[in-house]
């Protein structure tokens, strides 16, 4: 019986490290969207999100302040921004 236990522990660990790698990749992507460091504090994340949200929010849309994006592109980016914010803030939920 002991062999099986160690095998399943190994696979669980392997699965966990795979998830951890994917999570790190995702953090990299999401922090990039927000324009913050991967290990940014909740305050930094909020500040960056607010600044960008004000710029790209569909109701605030002005072609001159959104780097030439169309309203649709700005709206799409705003959605990504919000997802990135939620993702990054989930790191601090404990």
PDB file of N, CA and C in Angstrom:
ATOM      1  N   UNK A   1       0.731  -1.216   0.000  1.00  0.00           N
ATOM      2  CA  UNK A   1       0.000   0.000   0.000  1.00  0.00           C
ATOM      3  C   UNK A   1       0.774   1.288   0.000  1.00  0.00           C
ATOM      4  N   UNK A   2       2.021   1.339   0.485  1.00  0.00           N
ATOM      5  CA  UNK A   2       2.688   2.643   0.597  1.00  0.00           C
ATOM      6  C   UNK A   2       3.032   3.249  -0.763  1.00  0.00           C
ATOM      7  N   UNK A   3       3.361   2.393  -1.717  1.00  0.00           N
ATOM      8  CA  UNK A   3       3.758   2.879  -3.036  1.00  0.00           C
ATOM      9  C   UNK A   3       2.678   3.756  -3.671  1.00  0.00           C
ATOM     10  N   UNK A   4       1.442   3.288  -3.611  1.00  0.00           N
ATOM     11  CA  UNK A   4       0.350   4.040  -4.222  1.00  0.00           C
ATOM     12  C   UNK A   4       0.217   5.428  -3.609  1.00  0.00           C
ATOM     13  N   UNK A   5       0.372   5.512  -2.297  1.00  0.00           N
ATOM     14  CA  UNK A   5       0.255   6.803  -1.634  1.00  0.00           C
ATOM     15  C   UNK A   5       1.280   7.789  -2.179  1.00  0.00           C
ATOM     16  N   UNK A   6       2.530   7.351  -2.260  1.00  0.00           N
ATOM     17  CA  UNK A   6       3.553   8.281  -2.711  1.00  0.00           C
ATOM     18  C   UNK A   6       3.333   8.685  -4.172  1.00  0.00           C
ATOM     19  N   UNK A   7       2.840   7.740  -4.982  1.00  0.00           N
ATOM     20  CA  UNK A   7       2.541   8.078  -6.368  1.00  0.00           C
ATOM     21  C   UNK A   7       1.482   9.172  -6.456  1.00  0.00           C
ATOM     22  N   UNK A   8       0.399   8.989  -5.744  1.00  0.00           N
ATOM     23  CA  UNK A   8      -0.678   9.965  -5.857  1.00  0.00           C
ATOM     24  C   UNK A   8      -0.231  11.324  -5.292  1.00  0.00           C
ATOM     25  N   UNK A   9       0.589  11.319  -4.255  1.00  0.00           N
ATOM     26  CA  UNK A   9       1.136  12.576  -3.744  1.00  0.00           C
ATOM     27  C   UNK A   9       1.940  13.277  -4.831  1.00  0.00           C
ATOM     28  N   UNK A  10       2.756  12.486  -5.523  1.00  0.00           N
ATOM     29  CA  UNK A  10       3.591  13.062  -6.576  1.00  0.00           C
ATOM     30  C   UNK A  10       2.721  13.690  -7.664  1.00  0.00           C
ATOM     31  N   UNK A  11       1.681  12.973  -8.088  1.00  0.00           N
ATOM     32  CA  UNK A  11       0.838  13.512  -9.154  1.00  0.00           C
ATOM     33  C   UNK A  11       0.090  14.757  -8.706  1.00  0.00           C
ATOM     34  N   UNK A  12      -0.354  14.744  -7.455  1.00  0.00           N
ATOM     35  CA  UNK A  12      -1.011  15.943  -6.938  1.00  0.00           C
ATOM     36  C   UNK A  12      -0.058  17.118  -6.952  1.00  0.00           C
ATOM     37  N   UNK A  13       1.184  16.860  -6.538  1.00  0.00           N
ATOM     38  CA  UNK A  13       2.191  17.921  -6.521  1.00  0.00           C
ATOM     39  C   UNK A  13       2.455  18.411  -7.934  1.00  0.00           C
ATOM     40  N   UNK A  14       2.577  17.468  -8.861  1.00  0.00           N
ATOM     41  CA  UNK A  14       2.834  17.793 -10.263  1.00  0.00           C
ATOM     42  C   UNK A  14       1.706  18.668 -10.817  1.00  0.00           C
ATOM     43  N   UNK A  15       0.476  18.279 -10.500  1.00  0.00           N
ATOM     44  CA  UNK A  15      -0.688  19.030 -10.952  1.00  0.00           C
ATOM     45  C   UNK A  15      -0.684  20.421 -10.333  1.00  0.00           C
ATOM     46  N   UNK A  16      -0.336  20.474  -9.064  1.00  0.00           N
ATOM     47  CA  UNK A  16      -0.297  21.750  -8.359  1.00  0.00           C
ATOM     48  C   UNK A  16       0.740  22.684  -8.976  1.00  0.00           C
ATOM     49  N   UNK A  17       1.927  22.145  -9.282  1.00  0.00           N
ATOM     50  CA  UNK A  17       2.969  23.007  -9.839  1.00  0.00           C
ATOM     51  C   UNK A  17       2.603  23.464 -11.247  1.00  0.00           C
ATOM     52  N   UNK A  18       1.893  22.623 -11.987  1.00  0.00           N
ATOM     53  CA  UNK A  18       1.393  23.014 -13.309  1.00  0.00           C
ATOM     54  C   UNK A  18       0.411  24.180 -13.163  1.00  0.00           C
ATOM     55  N   UNK A  19      -0.502  24.053 -12.213  1.00  0.00           N
ATOM     56  CA  UNK A  19      -1.462  25.138 -11.955  1.00  0.00           C
ATOM     57  C   UNK A  19      -0.726  26.395 -11.523  1.00  0.00           C
ATOM     58  N   UNK A  20       0.272  26.232 -10.678  1.00  0.00           N
ATOM     59  CA  UNK A  20       1.047  27.378 -10.197  1.00  0.00           C
ATOM     60  C   UNK A  20       1.729  28.095 -11.364  1.00  0.00           C
ATOM     61  N   UNK A  21       2.266  27.300 -12.303  1.00  0.00           N
ATOM     62  CA  UNK A  21       2.912  27.904 -13.485  1.00  0.00           C
ATOM     63  C   UNK A  21       1.897  28.673 -14.317  1.00  0.00           C
ATOM     64  N   UNK A  22       0.748  28.068 -14.538  1.00  0.00           N
ATOM     65  CA  UNK A  22      -0.294  28.740 -15.326  1.00  0.00           C
ATOM     66  C   UNK A  22      -0.733  30.022 -14.619  1.00  0.00           C
ATOM     67  N   UNK A  23      -0.837  29.932 -13.304  1.00  0.00           N
ATOM     68  CA  UNK A  23      -1.254  31.093 -12.517  1.00  0.00           C
ATOM     69  C   UNK A  23      -0.237  32.221 -12.642  1.00  0.00           C
ATOM     70  N   UNK A  24       1.045  31.860 -12.594  1.00  0.00           N
ATOM     71  CA  UNK A  24       2.109  32.855 -12.731  1.00  0.00           C
ATOM     72  C   UNK A  24       2.056  33.513 -14.106  1.00  0.00           C
ATOM     73  N   UNK A  25       1.860  32.696 -15.142  1.00  0.00           N
ATOM     74  CA  UNK A  25       1.717  33.231 -16.496  1.00  0.00           C
ATOM     75  C   UNK A  25       0.551  34.208 -16.562  1.00  0.00           C
ATOM     76  N   UNK A  26      -0.564  33.789 -15.979  1.00  0.00           N
ATOM     77  CA  UNK A  26      -1.772  34.606 -15.988  1.00  0.00           C
ATOM     78  C   UNK A  26      -1.527  35.909 -15.232  1.00  0.00           C
ATOM     79  N   UNK A  27      -0.842  35.826 -14.107  1.00  0.00           N
ATOM     80  CA  UNK A  27      -0.493  37.033 -13.345  1.00  0.00           C
ATOM     81  C   UNK A  27       0.324  37.991 -14.191  1.00  0.00           C
ATOM     82  N   UNK A  28       1.276  37.422 -14.940  1.00  0.00           N
ATOM     83  CA  UNK A  28       2.144  38.232 -15.792  1.00  0.00           C
ATOM     84  C   UNK A  28       1.296  38.991 -16.807  1.00  0.00           C
ATOM     85  N   UNK A  29       0.371  38.252 -17.431  1.00  0.00           N
ATOM     86  CA  UNK A  29      -0.485  38.835 -18.461  1.00  0.00           C
ATOM     87  C   UNK A  29      -1.386  39.927 -17.875  1.00  0.00           C
ATOM     88  N   UNK A  30      -2.024  39.591 -16.773  1.00  0.00           N
ATOM     89  CA  UNK A  30      -2.990  40.518 -16.176  1.00  0.00           C
ATOM     90  C   UNK A  30      -2.310  41.764 -15.610  1.00  0.00           C
ATOM     91  N   UNK A  31      -1.147  41.588 -14.996  1.00  0.00           N
ATOM     92  CA  UNK A  31      -0.447  42.755 -14.469  1.00  0.00           C
ATOM     93  C   UNK A  31       0.021  43.643 -15.613  1.00  0.00           C
ATOM     94  N   UNK A  32       0.353  43.004 -16.754  1.00  0.00           N
ATOM     95  CA  UNK A  32       0.735  43.769 -17.939  1.00  0.00           C
ATOM     96  C   UNK A  32      -0.408  44.630 -18.454  1.00  0.00           C
ATOM     97  N   UNK A  33      -1.605  44.068 -18.465  1.00  0.00           N
ATOM     98  CA  UNK A  33      -2.789  44.815 -18.909  1.00  0.00           C
ATOM     99  C   UNK A  33      -3.009  46.026 -18.006  1.00  0.00           C
ATOM    100  N   UNK A  34      -2.825  45.815 -16.715  1.00  0.00           N
ATOM    101  CA  UNK A  34      -3.021  46.906 -15.758  1.00  0.00           C
ATOM    102  C   UNK A  34      -1.846  47.878 -15.728  1.00  0.00           C
ATOM    103  N   UNK A  35      -0.696  47.417 -16.213  1.00  0.00           N
ATOM    104  CA  UNK A  35       0.488  48.268 -16.176  1.00  0.00           C
ATOM    105  C   UNK A  35       1.093  48.364 -14.788  1.00  0.00           C
ATOM    106  N   UNK A  36       1.031  47.254 -14.028  1.00  0.00           N
ATOM    107  CA  UNK A  36       1.650  47.224 -12.697  1.00  0.00           C
ATOM    108  C   UNK A  36       2.608  46.039 -12.614  1.00  0.00           C
ATOM    109  N   UNK A  37       3.445  46.019 -11.588  1.00  0.00           N
ATOM    110  CA  UNK A  37       4.337  44.885 -11.355  1.00  0.00           C
ATOM    111  C   UNK A  37       3.513  43.677 -10.946  1.00  0.00           C
ATOM    112  N   UNK A  38       4.066  42.479 -11.180  1.00  0.00           N
ATOM    113  CA  UNK A  38       3.333  41.256 -10.815  1.00  0.00           C
ATOM    114  C   UNK A  38       3.077  41.189  -9.315  1.00  0.00           C
ATOM    115  N   UNK A  39       3.977  41.795  -8.549  1.00  0.00           N
ATOM    116  CA  UNK A  39       3.824  41.755  -7.087  1.00  0.00           C
ATOM    117  C   UNK A  39       3.333  43.092  -6.535  1.00  0.00           C
ATOM    118  N   UNK A  40       2.583  43.818  -7.357  1.00  0.00           N
ATOM    119  CA  UNK A  40       2.068  45.124  -6.940  1.00  0.00           C
ATOM    120  C   UNK A  40       1.165  44.989  -5.716  1.00  0.00           C
ATOM    121  N   UNK A  41       1.145  46.023  -4.907  1.00  0.00           N
ATOM    122  CA  UNK A  41       0.274  46.031  -3.728  1.00  0.00           C
ATOM    123  C   UNK A  41      -1.161  46.323  -4.162  1.00  0.00           C
ATOM    124  N   UNK A  42      -2.133  45.987  -3.304  1.00  0.00           N
ATOM    125  CA  UNK A  42      -3.534  46.301  -3.649  1.00  0.00           C
ATOM    126  C   UNK A  42      -3.711  47.792  -3.952  1.00  0.00           C
ATOM    127  N   UNK A  43      -2.987  48.653  -3.232  1.00  0.00           N
ATOM    128  CA  UNK A  43      -3.090  50.100  -3.449  1.00  0.00           C
ATOM    129  C   UNK A  43      -2.612  50.476  -4.854  1.00  0.00           C
ATOM    130  N   UNK A  44      -1.481  49.883  -5.269  1.00  0.00           N
ATOM    131  CA  UNK A  44      -0.947  50.175  -6.603  1.00  0.00           C
ATOM    132  C   UNK A  44      -1.909  49.689  -7.683  1.00  0.00           C
ATOM    133  N   UNK A  45      -2.453  48.495  -7.464  1.00  0.00           N
ATOM    134  CA  UNK A  45      -3.386  47.914  -8.429  1.00  0.00           C
ATOM    135  C   UNK A  45      -4.611  48.810  -8.571  1.00  0.00           C
ATOM    136  N   UNK A  46      -5.173  49.224  -7.446  1.00  0.00           N
ATOM    137  CA  UNK A  46      -6.355  50.102  -7.459  1.00  0.00           C
ATOM    138  C   UNK A  46      -6.068  51.410  -8.167  1.00  0.00           C
ATOM    139  N   UNK A  47      -4.931  52.015  -7.843  1.00  0.00           N
ATOM    140  CA  UNK A  47      -4.579  53.322  -8.414  1.00  0.00           C
ATOM    141  C   UNK A  47      -4.454  53.231  -9.932  1.00  0.00           C
ATOM    142  N   UNK A  48      -3.756  52.207 -10.404  1.00  0.00           N
ATOM    143  CA  UNK A  48      -3.555  52.042 -11.846  1.00  0.00           C
ATOM    144  C   UNK A  48      -4.884  51.753 -12.536  1.00  0.00           C
ATOM    145  N   UNK A  49      -5.691  50.904 -11.900  1.00  0.00           N
ATOM    146  CA  UNK A  49      -6.993  50.569 -12.471  1.00  0.00           C
ATOM    147  C   UNK A  49      -7.866  51.818 -12.595  1.00  0.00           C
ATOM    148  N   UNK A  50      -7.931  52.601 -11.533  1.00  0.00           N
ATOM    149  CA  UNK A  50      -8.765  53.816 -11.544  1.00  0.00           C
ATOM    150  C   UNK A  50      -8.353  54.753 -12.670  1.00  0.00           C
ATOM    151  N   UNK A  51      -7.042  54.963 -12.766  1.00  0.00           N
ATOM    152  CA  UNK A  51      -6.518  55.880 -13.772  1.00  0.00           C
ATOM    153  C   UNK A  51      -6.907  55.423 -15.173  1.00  0.00           C
ATOM    154  N   UNK A  52      -6.696  54.138 -15.458  1.00  0.00           N
ATOM    155  CA  UNK A  52      -7.008  53.613 -16.780  1.00  0.00           C
ATOM    156  C   UNK A  52      -8.520  53.512 -16.997  1.00  0.00           C
ATOM    157  N   UNK A  53      -9.249  53.141 -15.962  1.00  0.00           N
ATOM    158  CA  UNK A  53     -10.701  53.005 -16.087  1.00  0.00           C
ATOM    159  C   UNK A  53     -11.329  54.343 -16.460  1.00  0.00           C
ATOM    160  N   UNK A  54     -10.842  55.418 -15.852  1.00  0.00           N
ATOM    161  CA  UNK A  54     -11.374  56.745 -16.165  1.00  0.00           C
ATOM    162  C   UNK A  54     -11.118  57.094 -17.626  1.00  0.00           C
ATOM    163  N   UNK A  55      -9.976  56.629 -18.118  1.00  0.00           N
ATOM    164  CA  UNK A  55      -9.596  56.942 -19.492  1.00  0.00           C
ATOM    165  C   UNK A  55     -10.397  56.115 -20.510  1.00  0.00           C
ATOM    166  N   UNK A  56     -10.600  54.832 -20.204  1.00  0.00           N
ATOM    167  CA  UNK A  56     -11.173  53.923 -21.207  1.00  0.00           C
ATOM    168  C   UNK A  56     -12.636  53.565 -20.985  1.00  0.00           C
ATOM    169  N   UNK A  57     -13.228  54.019 -19.902  1.00  0.00           N
ATOM    170  CA  UNK A  57     -14.631  53.692 -19.642  1.00  0.00           C
ATOM    171  C   UNK A  57     -15.505  54.161 -20.796  1.00  0.00           C
ATOM    172  N   UNK A  58     -16.438  53.303 -21.244  1.00  0.00           N
ATOM    173  CA  UNK A  58     -17.296  53.668 -22.399  1.00  0.00           C
ATOM    174  C   UNK A  58     -17.987  55.029 -22.240  1.00  0.00           C
ATOM    175  N   UNK A  59     -18.402  55.379 -21.027  1.00  0.00           N
ATOM    176  CA  UNK A  59     -19.083  56.664 -20.818  1.00  0.00           C
ATOM    177  C   UNK A  59     -18.120  57.849 -20.864  1.00  0.00           C
ATOM    178  N   UNK A  60     -16.832  57.571 -20.684  1.00  0.00           N
ATOM    179  CA  UNK A  60     -15.844  58.650 -20.662  1.00  0.00           C
ATOM    180  C   UNK A  60     -15.104  58.748 -22.000  1.00  0.00           C
ATOM    181  N   UNK A  61     -15.513  57.930 -22.953  1.00  0.00           N
ATOM    182  CA  UNK A  61     -14.759  57.798 -24.195  1.00  0.00           C
ATOM    183  C   UNK A  61     -14.582  59.111 -24.953  1.00  0.00           C
ATOM    184  N   UNK A  62     -13.324  59.436 -25.239  1.00  0.00           N
ATOM    185  CA  UNK A  62     -12.983  60.520 -26.163  1.00  0.00           C
ATOM    186  C   UNK A  62     -11.831  60.008 -27.011  1.00  0.00           C
ATOM    187  N   UNK A  63     -11.964  60.071 -28.331  1.00  0.00           N
ATOM    188  CA  UNK A  63     -10.917  59.505 -29.191  1.00  0.00           C
ATOM    189  C   UNK A  63      -9.527  60.042 -28.852  1.00  0.00           C
ATOM    190  N   UNK A  64      -9.423  61.296 -28.433  1.00  0.00           N
ATOM    191  CA  UNK A  64      -8.101  61.882 -28.194  1.00  0.00           C
ATOM    192  C   UNK A  64      -7.438  61.362 -26.924  1.00  0.00           C
ATOM    193  N   UNK A  65      -8.190  60.814 -25.977  1.00  0.00           N
ATOM    194  CA  UNK A  65      -7.519  60.369 -24.748  1.00  0.00           C
ATOM    195  C   UNK A  65      -7.376  58.853 -24.649  1.00  0.00           C
ATOM    196  N   UNK A  66      -7.771  58.131 -25.686  1.00  0.00           N
ATOM    197  CA  UNK A  66      -7.673  56.665 -25.631  1.00  0.00           C
ATOM    198  C   UNK A  66      -6.704  56.126 -26.673  1.00  0.00           C
ATOM    199  N   UNK A  67      -5.642  56.874 -26.943  1.00  0.00           N
ATOM    200  CA  UNK A  67      -4.583  56.407 -27.837  1.00  0.00           C
ATOM    201  C   UNK A  67      -5.130  55.990 -29.206  1.00  0.00           C
ATOM    202  N   UNK A  68      -6.144  56.689 -29.672  1.00  0.00           N
ATOM    203  CA  UNK A  68      -6.671  56.427 -31.006  1.00  0.00           C
ATOM    204  C   UNK A  68      -7.522  55.178 -31.138  1.00  0.00           C
ATOM    205  N   UNK A  69      -7.922  54.578 -30.031  1.00  0.00           N
ATOM    206  CA  UNK A  69      -8.801  53.405 -30.107  1.00  0.00           C
ATOM    207  C   UNK A  69     -10.205  53.856 -30.486  1.00  0.00           C
ATOM    208  N   UNK A  70     -10.917  52.986 -31.193  1.00  0.00           N
ATOM    209  CA  UNK A  70     -12.333  53.257 -31.446  1.00  0.00           C
ATOM    210  C   UNK A  70     -13.080  53.046 -30.133  1.00  0.00           C
ATOM    211  N   UNK A  71     -14.310  53.492 -30.085  1.00  0.00           N
ATOM    212  CA  UNK A  71     -15.095  53.299 -28.868  1.00  0.00           C
ATOM    213  C   UNK A  71     -15.221  51.813 -28.542  1.00  0.00           C
ATOM    214  N   UNK A  72     -15.403  50.985 -29.578  1.00  0.00           N
ATOM    215  CA  UNK A  72     -15.533  49.531 -29.361  1.00  0.00           C
ATOM    216  C   UNK A  72     -14.242  48.966 -28.754  1.00  0.00           C
ATOM    217  N   UNK A  73     -13.097  49.376 -29.303  1.00  0.00           N
ATOM    218  CA  UNK A  73     -11.810  48.892 -28.794  1.00  0.00           C
ATOM    219  C   UNK A  73     -11.584  49.352 -27.354  1.00  0.00           C
ATOM    220  N   UNK A  74     -11.929  50.589 -27.092  1.00  0.00           N
ATOM    221  CA  UNK A  74     -11.771  51.126 -25.741  1.00  0.00           C
ATOM    222  C   UNK A  74     -12.655  50.351 -24.763  1.00  0.00           C
ATOM    223  N   UNK A  75     -13.879  50.048 -25.189  1.00  0.00           N
ATOM    224  CA  UNK A  75     -14.815  49.277 -24.358  1.00  0.00           C
ATOM    225  C   UNK A  75     -14.261  47.885 -24.089  1.00  0.00           C
ATOM    226  N   UNK A  76     -13.708  47.267 -25.135  1.00  0.00           N
ATOM    227  CA  UNK A  76     -13.122  45.937 -25.018  1.00  0.00           C
ATOM    228  C   UNK A  76     -11.945  45.971 -24.030  1.00  0.00           C
ATOM    229  N   UNK A  77     -11.106  46.986 -24.178  1.00  0.00           N
ATOM    230  CA  UNK A  77      -9.946  47.135 -23.297  1.00  0.00           C
ATOM    231  C   UNK A  77     -10.411  47.363 -21.852  1.00  0.00           C
ATOM    232  N   UNK A  78     -11.460  48.154 -21.699  1.00  0.00           N
ATOM    233  CA  UNK A  78     -11.999  48.400 -20.365  1.00  0.00           C
ATOM    234  C   UNK A  78     -12.438  47.105 -19.703  1.00  0.00           C
ATOM    235  N   UNK A  79     -13.061  46.212 -20.486  1.00  0.00           N
ATOM    236  CA  UNK A  79     -13.475  44.906 -19.952  1.00  0.00           C
ATOM    237  C   UNK A  79     -12.255  44.096 -19.514  1.00  0.00           C
ATOM    238  N   UNK A  80     -11.211  44.083 -20.350  1.00  0.00           N
ATOM    239  CA  UNK A  80      -9.982  43.356 -20.011  1.00  0.00           C
ATOM    240  C   UNK A  80      -9.360  43.918 -18.743  1.00  0.00           C
ATOM    241  N   UNK A  81      -9.402  45.241 -18.659  1.00  0.00           N
ATOM    242  CA  UNK A  81      -8.849  45.950 -17.509  1.00  0.00           C
ATOM    243  C   UNK A  81      -9.570  45.513 -16.224  1.00  0.00           C
ATOM    244  N   UNK A  82     -10.883  45.451 -16.296  1.00  0.00           N
ATOM    245  CA  UNK A  82     -11.695  45.059 -15.149  1.00  0.00           C
ATOM    246  C   UNK A  82     -11.410  43.612 -14.751  1.00  0.00           C
ATOM    247  N   UNK A  83     -11.282  42.732 -15.748  1.00  0.00           N
ATOM    248  CA  UNK A  83     -10.924  41.339 -15.468  1.00  0.00           C
ATOM    249  C   UNK A  83      -9.554  41.255 -14.818  1.00  0.00           C
ATOM    250  N   UNK A  84      -8.613  42.025 -15.343  1.00  0.00           N
ATOM    251  CA  UNK A  84      -7.251  42.025 -14.812  1.00  0.00           C
ATOM    252  C   UNK A  84      -7.265  42.512 -13.363  1.00  0.00           C
ATOM    253  N   UNK A  85      -8.040  43.549 -13.115  1.00  0.00           N
ATOM    254  CA  UNK A  85      -8.160  44.089 -11.762  1.00  0.00           C
ATOM    255  C   UNK A  85      -8.709  43.033 -10.808  1.00  0.00           C
ATOM    256  N   UNK A  86      -9.789  42.381 -11.209  1.00  0.00           N
ATOM    257  CA  UNK A  86     -10.393  41.332 -10.382  1.00  0.00           C
ATOM    258  C   UNK A  86      -9.394  40.204 -10.124  1.00  0.00           C
ATOM    259  N   UNK A  87      -8.681  39.807 -11.188  1.00  0.00           N
ATOM    260  CA  UNK A  87      -7.706  38.728 -11.065  1.00  0.00           C
ATOM    261  C   UNK A  87      -6.605  39.097 -10.074  1.00  0.00           C
ATOM    262  N   UNK A  88      -6.050  40.289 -10.222  1.00  0.00           N
ATOM    263  CA  UNK A  88      -4.946  40.710  -9.363  1.00  0.00           C
ATOM    264  C   UNK A  88      -5.409  40.893  -7.916  1.00  0.00           C
ATOM    265  N   UNK A  89      -6.602  41.412  -7.735  1.00  0.00           N
ATOM    266  CA  UNK A  89      -7.106  41.643  -6.381  1.00  0.00           C
ATOM    267  C   UNK A  89      -7.447  40.324  -5.694  1.00  0.00           C
ATOM    268  N   UNK A  90      -7.763  39.289  -6.480  1.00  0.00           N
ATOM    269  CA  UNK A  90      -8.076  37.972  -5.907  1.00  0.00           C
ATOM    270  C   UNK A  90      -6.871  37.406  -5.178  1.00  0.00           C
ATOM    271  N   UNK A  91      -5.667  37.874  -5.521  1.00  0.00           N
ATOM    272  CA  UNK A  91      -4.463  37.439  -4.824  1.00  0.00           C
ATOM    273  C   UNK A  91      -4.484  37.841  -3.353  1.00  0.00           C
ATOM    274  N   UNK A  92      -5.309  38.826  -3.015  1.00  0.00           N
ATOM    275  CA  UNK A  92      -5.294  39.359  -1.653  1.00  0.00           C
ATOM    276  C   UNK A  92      -6.548  39.007  -0.866  1.00  0.00           C
ATOM    277  N   UNK A  93      -7.284  38.018  -1.371  1.00  0.00           N
ATOM    278  CA  UNK A  93      -8.578  37.712  -0.745  1.00  0.00           C
ATOM    279  C   UNK A  93      -8.519  37.024   0.604  1.00  0.00           C
ATOM    280  N   UNK A  94      -7.342  36.514   0.976  1.00  0.00           N
ATOM    281  CA  UNK A  94      -7.349  35.718   2.219  1.00  0.00           C
ATOM    282  C   UNK A  94      -7.808  36.516   3.429  1.00  0.00           C
TER     283      UNK A  94
END
